[in-house]
Amino acid sequence: MNQAIQFPDVEQWNEELRAVCFPALTGGFQVNCAISAGALARRFGGETPSDWLERFRQHRWDLEDELEPLIAEGLDDAQGWFWLS
């Protein structure tokens, strides 16, 4: 794991984005990360926000490992969010 990027165990369902959203800390700054309901359902199943939150928690470490290079390379979207697809 890259110690320069840390992921607090904080996640929440965002109905507007239809995604599980969670922060990462890098270089002393907090960045926003997310994975959509569709991506979670394709990868791990589930039909409801509570299902997707549980699936996220079950696979958190693997998802964080996928996200680290995106953050390290600065591959955020126009709003500054890092998305897993």
PDB file of N, CA and C in Angstrom:
ATOM      1  N   MET A   1       0.835  -1.181   0.000  1.00  0.00           N
ATOM      2  CA  MET A   1       0.000   0.000   0.000  1.00  0.00           C
ATOM      3  C   MET A   1       0.878   1.243   0.000  1.00  0.00           C
ATOM      4  N   ASN A   2       0.479   2.223  -0.745  1.00  0.00           N
ATOM      5  CA  ASN A   2       1.168   3.500  -0.808  1.00  0.00           C
ATOM      6  C   ASN A   2       0.810   4.304   0.437  1.00  0.00           C
ATOM      7  N   GLN A   3       1.767   4.534   1.322  1.00  0.00           N
ATOM      8  CA  GLN A   3       1.495   5.241   2.569  1.00  0.00           C
ATOM      9  C   GLN A   3       1.152   6.710   2.343  1.00  0.00           C
ATOM     10  N   ALA A   4       1.461   7.246   1.188  1.00  0.00           N
ATOM     11  CA  ALA A   4       1.136   8.638   0.907  1.00  0.00           C
ATOM     12  C   ALA A   4      -0.362   8.824   0.682  1.00  0.00           C
ATOM     13  N   ILE A   5      -1.086   7.744   0.394  1.00  0.00           N
ATOM     14  CA  ILE A   5      -2.534   7.805   0.187  1.00  0.00           C
ATOM     15  C   ILE A   5      -3.186   6.943   1.255  1.00  0.00           C
ATOM     16  N   GLN A   6      -4.047   7.567   2.037  1.00  0.00           N
ATOM     17  CA  GLN A   6      -4.734   6.851   3.103  1.00  0.00           C
ATOM     18  C   GLN A   6      -6.237   6.956   2.908  1.00  0.00           C
ATOM     19  N   PHE A   7      -6.930   5.894   3.291  1.00  0.00           N
ATOM     20  CA  PHE A   7      -8.379   5.834   3.154  1.00  0.00           C
ATOM     21  C   PHE A   7      -9.016   5.638   4.532  1.00  0.00           C
ATOM     22  N   PRO A   8      -9.582   6.695   5.106  1.00  0.00           N
ATOM     23  CA  PRO A   8     -10.298   6.511   6.372  1.00  0.00           C
ATOM     24  C   PRO A   8     -11.492   5.572   6.154  1.00  0.00           C
ATOM     25  N   ASP A   9     -11.861   4.850   7.180  1.00  0.00           N
ATOM     26  CA  ASP A   9     -13.015   3.953   7.084  1.00  0.00           C
ATOM     27  C   ASP A   9     -14.307   4.742   7.217  1.00  0.00           C
ATOM     28  N   VAL A  10     -14.538   5.583   6.235  1.00  0.00           N
ATOM     29  CA  VAL A  10     -15.733   6.424   6.193  1.00  0.00           C
ATOM     30  C   VAL A  10     -16.305   6.313   4.790  1.00  0.00           C
ATOM     31  N   GLU A  11     -17.530   5.838   4.707  1.00  0.00           N
ATOM     32  CA  GLU A  11     -18.204   5.761   3.419  1.00  0.00           C
ATOM     33  C   GLU A  11     -19.677   6.031   3.637  1.00  0.00           C
ATOM     34  N   GLN A  12     -20.314   6.513   2.581  1.00  0.00           N
ATOM     35  CA  GLN A  12     -21.741   6.772   2.676  1.00  0.00           C
ATOM     36  C   GLN A  12     -22.380   6.631   1.308  1.00  0.00           C
ATOM     37  N   TRP A  13     -23.648   6.328   1.311  1.00  0.00           N
ATOM     38  CA  TRP A  13     -24.425   6.278   0.083  1.00  0.00           C
ATOM     39  C   TRP A  13     -24.851   7.695  -0.264  1.00  0.00           C
ATOM     40  N   ASN A  14     -24.656   8.091  -1.526  1.00  0.00           N
ATOM     41  CA  ASN A  14     -25.092   9.395  -2.007  1.00  0.00           C
ATOM     42  C   ASN A  14     -26.170   9.150  -3.050  1.00  0.00           C
ATOM     43  N   GLU A  15     -27.398   9.450  -2.683  1.00  0.00           N
ATOM     44  CA  GLU A  15     -28.541   9.174  -3.573  1.00  0.00           C
ATOM     45  C   GLU A  15     -28.465  10.010  -4.851  1.00  0.00           C
ATOM     46  N   GLU A  16     -28.032  11.250  -4.727  1.00  0.00           N
ATOM     47  CA  GLU A  16     -27.944  12.122  -5.904  1.00  0.00           C
ATOM     48  C   GLU A  16     -26.970  11.553  -6.939  1.00  0.00           C
ATOM     49  N   LEU A  17     -25.823  11.068  -6.472  1.00  0.00           N
ATOM     50  CA  LEU A  17     -24.822  10.492  -7.379  1.00  0.00           C
ATOM     51  C   LEU A  17     -25.076   9.015  -7.666  1.00  0.00           C
ATOM     52  N   ARG A  18     -25.951   8.388  -6.871  1.00  0.00           N
ATOM     53  CA  ARG A  18     -26.219   6.941  -6.958  1.00  0.00           C
ATOM     54  C   ARG A  18     -24.897   6.183  -6.861  1.00  0.00           C
ATOM     55  N   ALA A  19     -24.161   6.499  -5.779  1.00  0.00           N
ATOM     56  CA  ALA A  19     -22.821   5.956  -5.608  1.00  0.00           C
ATOM     57  C   ALA A  19     -22.465   5.869  -4.128  1.00  0.00           C
ATOM     58  N   VAL A  20     -21.530   4.969  -3.828  1.00  0.00           N
ATOM     59  CA  VAL A  20     -20.895   4.959  -2.519  1.00  0.00           C
ATOM     60  C   VAL A  20     -19.732   5.946  -2.614  1.00  0.00           C
ATOM     61  N   CYS A  21     -19.721   6.913  -1.717  1.00  0.00           N
ATOM     62  CA  CYS A  21     -18.703   7.960  -1.717  1.00  0.00           C
ATOM     63  C   CYS A  21     -17.840   7.815  -0.473  1.00  0.00           C
ATOM     64  N   PHE A  22     -16.564   8.107  -0.630  1.00  0.00           N
ATOM     65  CA  PHE A  22     -15.626   7.954   0.478  1.00  0.00           C
ATOM     66  C   PHE A  22     -14.421   8.845   0.229  1.00  0.00           C
ATOM     67  N   PRO A  23     -13.762   9.284   1.311  1.00  0.00           N
ATOM     68  CA  PRO A  23     -12.607  10.166   1.153  1.00  0.00           C
ATOM     69  C   PRO A  23     -11.300   9.393   1.067  1.00  0.00           C
ATOM     70  N   ALA A  24     -10.294  10.065   0.544  1.00  0.00           N
ATOM     71  CA  ALA A  24      -8.907   9.607   0.609  1.00  0.00           C
ATOM     72  C   ALA A  24      -8.070  10.807   1.028  1.00  0.00           C
ATOM     73  N   LEU A  25      -7.000  10.542   1.719  1.00  0.00           N
ATOM     74  CA  LEU A  25      -6.079  11.593   2.136  1.00  0.00           C
ATOM     75  C   LEU A  25      -4.776  11.404   1.392  1.00  0.00           C
ATOM     76  N   THR A  26      -4.348  12.445   0.706  1.00  0.00           N
ATOM     77  CA  THR A  26      -3.106  12.379  -0.052  1.00  0.00           C
ATOM     78  C   THR A  26      -2.380  13.706   0.055  1.00  0.00           C
ATOM     79  N   GLY A  27      -1.134  13.644   0.421  1.00  0.00           N
ATOM     80  CA  GLY A  27      -0.333  14.860   0.548  1.00  0.00           C
ATOM     81  C   GLY A  27      -0.934  15.885   1.481  1.00  0.00           C
ATOM     82  N   GLY A  28      -1.638  15.438   2.511  1.00  0.00           N
ATOM     83  CA  GLY A  28      -2.252  16.355   3.462  1.00  0.00           C
ATOM     84  C   GLY A  28      -3.596  16.909   3.027  1.00  0.00           C
ATOM     85  N   PHE A  29      -4.092  16.503   1.876  1.00  0.00           N
ATOM     86  CA  PHE A  29      -5.375  16.985   1.369  1.00  0.00           C
ATOM     87  C   PHE A  29      -6.367  15.838   1.282  1.00  0.00           C
ATOM     88  N   GLN A  30      -7.643  16.177   1.468  1.00  0.00           N
ATOM     89  CA  GLN A  30      -8.702  15.192   1.294  1.00  0.00           C
ATOM     90  C   GLN A  30      -9.231  15.281  -0.129  1.00  0.00           C
ATOM     91  N   VAL A  31      -9.400  14.131  -0.766  1.00  0.00           N
ATOM     92  CA  VAL A  31     -10.016  14.060  -2.083  1.00  0.00           C
ATOM     93  C   VAL A  31     -11.248  13.177  -1.985  1.00  0.00           C
ATOM     94  N   ASN A  32     -12.170  13.370  -2.914  1.00  0.00           N
ATOM     95  CA  ASN A  32     -13.414  12.606  -2.936  1.00  0.00           C
ATOM     96  C   ASN A  32     -13.305  11.455  -3.922  1.00  0.00           C
ATOM     97  N   CYS A  33     -13.779  10.290  -3.477  1.00  0.00           N
ATOM     98  CA  CYS A  33     -13.749   9.087  -4.301  1.00  0.00           C
ATOM     99  C   CYS A  33     -15.151   8.484  -4.327  1.00  0.00           C
ATOM    100  N   ALA A  34     -15.437   7.723  -5.382  1.00  0.00           N
ATOM    101  CA  ALA A  34     -16.756   7.110  -5.482  1.00  0.00           C
ATOM    102  C   ALA A  34     -16.723   5.913  -6.412  1.00  0.00           C
ATOM    103  N   ILE A  35     -17.704   5.038  -6.182  1.00  0.00           N
ATOM    104  CA  ILE A  35     -17.987   3.943  -7.103  1.00  0.00           C
ATOM    105  C   ILE A  35     -19.504   3.894  -7.240  1.00  0.00           C
ATOM    106  N   SER A  36     -19.979   3.846  -8.464  1.00  0.00           N
ATOM    107  CA  SER A  36     -21.415   3.927  -8.720  1.00  0.00           C
ATOM    108  C   SER A  36     -22.123   2.629  -8.352  1.00  0.00           C
ATOM    109  N   ALA A  37     -23.425   2.749  -8.156  1.00  0.00           N
ATOM    110  CA  ALA A  37     -24.249   1.573  -7.891  1.00  0.00           C
ATOM    111  C   ALA A  37     -24.119   0.564  -9.028  1.00  0.00           C
ATOM    112  N   GLY A  38     -24.107   1.055 -10.251  1.00  0.00           N
ATOM    113  CA  GLY A  38     -23.983   0.161 -11.400  1.00  0.00           C
ATOM    114  C   GLY A  38     -22.687  -0.623 -11.389  1.00  0.00           C
ATOM    115  N   ALA A  39     -21.596   0.058 -11.076  1.00  0.00           N
ATOM    116  CA  ALA A  39     -20.302  -0.626 -11.028  1.00  0.00           C
ATOM    117  C   ALA A  39     -20.272  -1.649  -9.893  1.00  0.00           C
ATOM    118  N   LEU A  40     -20.810  -1.296  -8.742  1.00  0.00           N
ATOM    119  CA  LEU A  40     -20.853  -2.247  -7.628  1.00  0.00           C
ATOM    120  C   LEU A  40     -21.724  -3.448  -7.972  1.00  0.00           C
ATOM    121  N   ALA A  41     -22.882  -3.199  -8.579  1.00  0.00           N
ATOM    122  CA  ALA A  41     -23.784  -4.295  -8.944  1.00  0.00           C
ATOM    123  C   ALA A  41     -23.136  -5.224  -9.963  1.00  0.00           C
ATOM    124  N   ARG A  42     -22.451  -4.659 -10.952  1.00  0.00           N
ATOM    125  CA  ARG A  42     -21.776  -5.497 -11.960  1.00  0.00           C
ATOM    126  C   ARG A  42     -20.680  -6.338 -11.334  1.00  0.00           C
ATOM    127  N   ARG A  43     -19.926  -5.747 -10.435  1.00  0.00           N
ATOM    128  CA  ARG A  43     -18.787  -6.440  -9.838  1.00  0.00           C
ATOM    129  C   ARG A  43     -19.201  -7.449  -8.773  1.00  0.00           C
ATOM    130  N   PHE A  44     -20.132  -7.033  -7.899  1.00  0.00           N
ATOM    131  CA  PHE A  44     -20.381  -7.809  -6.684  1.00  0.00           C
ATOM    132  C   PHE A  44     -21.847  -8.154  -6.436  1.00  0.00           C
ATOM    133  N   GLY A  45     -22.755  -7.680  -7.294  1.00  0.00           N
ATOM    134  CA  GLY A  45     -24.176  -7.932  -7.068  1.00  0.00           C
ATOM    135  C   GLY A  45     -24.781  -6.868  -6.167  1.00  0.00           C
ATOM    136  N   GLY A  46     -25.989  -7.139  -5.738  1.00  0.00           N
ATOM    137  CA  GLY A  46     -26.717  -6.210  -4.881  1.00  0.00           C
ATOM    138  C   GLY A  46     -27.773  -5.453  -5.659  1.00  0.00           C
ATOM    139  N   GLU A  47     -28.819  -5.043  -4.924  1.00  0.00           N
ATOM    140  CA  GLU A  47     -29.945  -4.356  -5.560  1.00  0.00           C
ATOM    141  C   GLU A  47     -30.364  -3.070  -4.862  1.00  0.00           C
ATOM    142  N   THR A  48     -29.828  -2.838  -3.667  1.00  0.00           N
ATOM    143  CA  THR A  48     -30.247  -1.666  -2.894  1.00  0.00           C
ATOM    144  C   THR A  48     -29.015  -0.925  -2.373  1.00  0.00           C
ATOM    145  N   PRO A  49     -29.188   0.332  -1.978  1.00  0.00           N
ATOM    146  CA  PRO A  49     -28.059   1.066  -1.391  1.00  0.00           C
ATOM    147  C   PRO A  49     -27.418   0.336  -0.214  1.00  0.00           C
ATOM    148  N   SER A  50     -28.211  -0.287   0.639  1.00  0.00           N
ATOM    149  CA  SER A  50     -27.605  -1.006   1.773  1.00  0.00           C
ATOM    150  C   SER A  50     -26.796  -2.207   1.292  1.00  0.00           C
ATOM    151  N   ASP A  51     -27.265  -2.888   0.227  1.00  0.00           N
ATOM    152  CA  ASP A  51     -26.482  -3.978  -0.372  1.00  0.00           C
ATOM    153  C   ASP A  51     -25.147  -3.460  -0.882  1.00  0.00           C
ATOM    154  N   TRP A  52     -25.171  -2.333  -1.588  1.00  0.00           N
ATOM    155  CA  TRP A  52     -23.950  -1.808  -2.204  1.00  0.00           C
ATOM    156  C   TRP A  52     -22.966  -1.305  -1.152  1.00  0.00           C
ATOM    157  N   LEU A  53     -23.480  -0.705  -0.087  1.00  0.00           N
ATOM    158  CA  LEU A  53     -22.589  -0.305   1.010  1.00  0.00           C
ATOM    159  C   LEU A  53     -21.922  -1.527   1.625  1.00  0.00           C
ATOM    160  N   GLU A  54     -22.689  -2.579   1.832  1.00  0.00           N
ATOM    161  CA  GLU A  54     -22.115  -3.798   2.398  1.00  0.00           C
ATOM    162  C   GLU A  54     -21.081  -4.402   1.451  1.00  0.00           C
ATOM    163  N   ARG A  55     -21.371  -4.449   0.154  1.00  0.00           N
ATOM    164  CA  ARG A  55     -20.410  -4.989  -0.825  1.00  0.00           C
ATOM    165  C   ARG A  55     -19.146  -4.143  -0.852  1.00  0.00           C
ATOM    166  N   PHE A  56     -19.319  -2.827  -0.773  1.00  0.00           N
ATOM    167  CA  PHE A  56     -18.164  -1.938  -0.731  1.00  0.00           C
ATOM    168  C   PHE A  56     -17.292  -2.281   0.471  1.00  0.00           C
ATOM    169  N   ARG A  57     -17.921  -2.427   1.636  1.00  0.00           N
ATOM    170  CA  ARG A  57     -17.164  -2.727   2.853  1.00  0.00           C
ATOM    171  C   ARG A  57     -16.445  -4.069   2.749  1.00  0.00           C
ATOM    172  N   GLN A  58     -17.073  -5.039   2.126  1.00  0.00           N
ATOM    173  CA  GLN A  58     -16.467  -6.356   1.973  1.00  0.00           C
ATOM    174  C   GLN A  58     -15.241  -6.319   1.066  1.00  0.00           C
ATOM    175  N   HIS A  59     -15.243  -5.430   0.081  1.00  0.00           N
ATOM    176  CA  HIS A  59     -14.188  -5.383  -0.941  1.00  0.00           C
ATOM    177  C   HIS A  59     -13.359  -4.105  -0.866  1.00  0.00           C
ATOM    178  N   ARG A  60     -13.480  -3.405   0.241  1.00  0.00           N
ATOM    179  CA  ARG A  60     -12.851  -2.099   0.401  1.00  0.00           C
ATOM    180  C   ARG A  60     -11.366  -2.102   0.046  1.00  0.00           C
ATOM    181  N   TRP A  61     -10.587  -3.035   0.586  1.00  0.00           N
ATOM    182  CA  TRP A  61      -9.139  -3.013   0.359  1.00  0.00           C
ATOM    183  C   TRP A  61      -8.798  -3.164  -1.112  1.00  0.00           C
ATOM    184  N   ASP A  62      -9.491  -4.050  -1.811  1.00  0.00           N
ATOM    185  CA  ASP A  62      -9.235  -4.225  -3.247  1.00  0.00           C
ATOM    186  C   ASP A  62      -9.602  -2.956  -4.019  1.00  0.00           C
ATOM    187  N   LEU A  63     -10.716  -2.342  -3.655  1.00  0.00           N
ATOM    188  CA  LEU A  63     -11.136  -1.119  -4.337  1.00  0.00           C
ATOM    189  C   LEU A  63     -10.153   0.019  -4.079  1.00  0.00           C
ATOM    190  N   GLU A  64      -9.678   0.112  -2.846  1.00  0.00           N
ATOM    191  CA  GLU A  64      -8.680   1.137  -2.530  1.00  0.00           C
ATOM    192  C   GLU A  64      -7.397   0.905  -3.319  1.00  0.00           C
ATOM    193  N   ASP A  65      -6.994  -0.353  -3.466  1.00  0.00           N
ATOM    194  CA  ASP A  65      -5.800  -0.659  -4.270  1.00  0.00           C
ATOM    195  C   ASP A  65      -5.973  -0.214  -5.717  1.00  0.00           C
ATOM    196  N   GLU A  66      -7.176  -0.357  -6.255  1.00  0.00           N
ATOM    197  CA  GLU A  66      -7.448   0.090  -7.629  1.00  0.00           C
ATOM    198  C   GLU A  66      -7.413   1.604  -7.733  1.00  0.00           C
ATOM    199  N   LEU A  67      -7.843   2.265  -6.687  1.00  0.00           N
ATOM    200  CA  LEU A  67      -7.950   3.716  -6.712  1.00  0.00           C
ATOM    201  C   LEU A  67      -6.613   4.420  -6.548  1.00  0.00           C
ATOM    202  N   GLU A  68      -5.683   3.810  -5.827  1.00  0.00           N
ATOM    203  CA  GLU A  68      -4.397   4.466  -5.546  1.00  0.00           C
ATOM    204  C   GLU A  68      -3.698   4.991  -6.796  1.00  0.00           C
ATOM    205  N   PRO A  69      -3.560   4.191  -7.869  1.00  0.00           N
ATOM    206  CA  PRO A  69      -2.880   4.746  -9.044  1.00  0.00           C
ATOM    207  C   PRO A  69      -3.653   5.885  -9.710  1.00  0.00           C
ATOM    208  N   LEU A  70      -4.982   5.852  -9.641  1.00  0.00           N
ATOM    209  CA  LEU A  70      -5.774   6.946 -10.218  1.00  0.00           C
ATOM    210  C   LEU A  70      -5.492   8.250  -9.473  1.00  0.00           C
ATOM    211  N   ILE A  71      -5.421   8.160  -8.150  1.00  0.00           N
ATOM    212  CA  ILE A  71      -5.132   9.347  -7.344  1.00  0.00           C
ATOM    213  C   ILE A  71      -3.695   9.796  -7.578  1.00  0.00           C
ATOM    214  N   ALA A  72      -2.759   8.854  -7.568  1.00  0.00           N
ATOM    215  CA  ALA A  72      -1.344   9.192  -7.749  1.00  0.00           C
ATOM    216  C   ALA A  72      -1.099   9.872  -9.097  1.00  0.00           C
ATOM    217  N   GLU A  73      -1.860   9.478 -10.120  1.00  0.00           N
ATOM    218  CA  GLU A  73      -1.693  10.047 -11.459  1.00  0.00           C
ATOM    219  C   GLU A  73      -2.596  11.263 -11.699  1.00  0.00           C
ATOM    220  N   GLY A  74      -3.424  11.620 -10.707  1.00  0.00           N
ATOM    221  CA  GLY A  74      -4.286  12.792 -10.843  1.00  0.00           C
ATOM    222  C   GLY A  74      -5.407  12.614 -11.844  1.00  0.00           C
ATOM    223  N   LEU A  75      -5.975  11.418 -11.931  1.00  0.00           N
ATOM    224  CA  LEU A  75      -7.012  11.126 -12.919  1.00  0.00           C
ATOM    225  C   LEU A  75      -8.415  11.373 -12.359  1.00  0.00           C
ATOM    226  N   ASP A  76      -8.635  12.579 -11.857  1.00  0.00           N
ATOM    227  CA  ASP A  76      -9.951  12.941 -11.350  1.00  0.00           C
ATOM    228  C   ASP A  76     -10.812  13.514 -12.466  1.00  0.00           C
ATOM    229  N   ASP A  77     -12.122  13.611 -12.209  1.00  0.00           N
ATOM    230  CA  ASP A  77     -13.028  14.157 -13.218  1.00  0.00           C
ATOM    231  C   ASP A  77     -13.071  15.684 -13.115  1.00  0.00           C
ATOM    232  N   ALA A  78     -13.946  16.299 -13.876  1.00  0.00           N
ATOM    233  CA  ALA A  78     -14.021  17.764 -13.930  1.00  0.00           C
ATOM    234  C   ALA A  78     -14.410  18.387 -12.585  1.00  0.00           C
ATOM    235  N   GLN A  79     -15.072  17.611 -11.730  1.00  0.00           N
ATOM    236  CA  GLN A  79     -15.458  18.099 -10.409  1.00  0.00           C
ATOM    237  C   GLN A  79     -14.437  17.727  -9.326  1.00  0.00           C
ATOM    238  N   GLY A  80     -13.338  17.081  -9.728  1.00  0.00           N
ATOM    239  CA  GLY A  80     -12.295  16.718  -8.779  1.00  0.00           C
ATOM    240  C   GLY A  80     -12.511  15.388  -8.079  1.00  0.00           C
ATOM    241  N   TRP A  81     -13.436  14.579  -8.559  1.00  0.00           N
ATOM    242  CA  TRP A  81     -13.730  13.268  -7.968  1.00  0.00           C
ATOM    243  C   TRP A  81     -12.952  12.177  -8.682  1.00  0.00           C
ATOM    244  N   PHE A  82     -12.567  11.165  -7.910  1.00  0.00           N
ATOM    245  CA  PHE A  82     -11.933   9.973  -8.449  1.00  0.00           C
ATOM    246  C   PHE A  82     -12.967   8.850  -8.442  1.00  0.00           C
ATOM    247  N   TRP A  83     -13.251   8.310  -9.627  1.00  0.00           N
ATOM    248  CA  TRP A  83     -14.301   7.303  -9.789  1.00  0.00           C
ATOM    249  C   TRP A  83     -13.736   5.957 -10.189  1.00  0.00           C
ATOM    250  N   LEU A  84     -14.243   4.913  -9.564  1.00  0.00           N
ATOM    251  CA  LEU A  84     -13.985   3.553 -10.014  1.00  0.00           C
ATOM    252  C   LEU A  84     -15.127   3.143 -10.914  1.00  0.00           C
ATOM    253  N   SER A  85     -14.815   2.449 -11.989  1.00  0.00           N
ATOM    254  CA  SER A  85     -15.895   1.999 -12.878  1.00  0.00           C
ATOM    255  C   SER A  85     -15.919   0.490 -12.954  1.00  0.00           C
TER     256      SER A  85
END
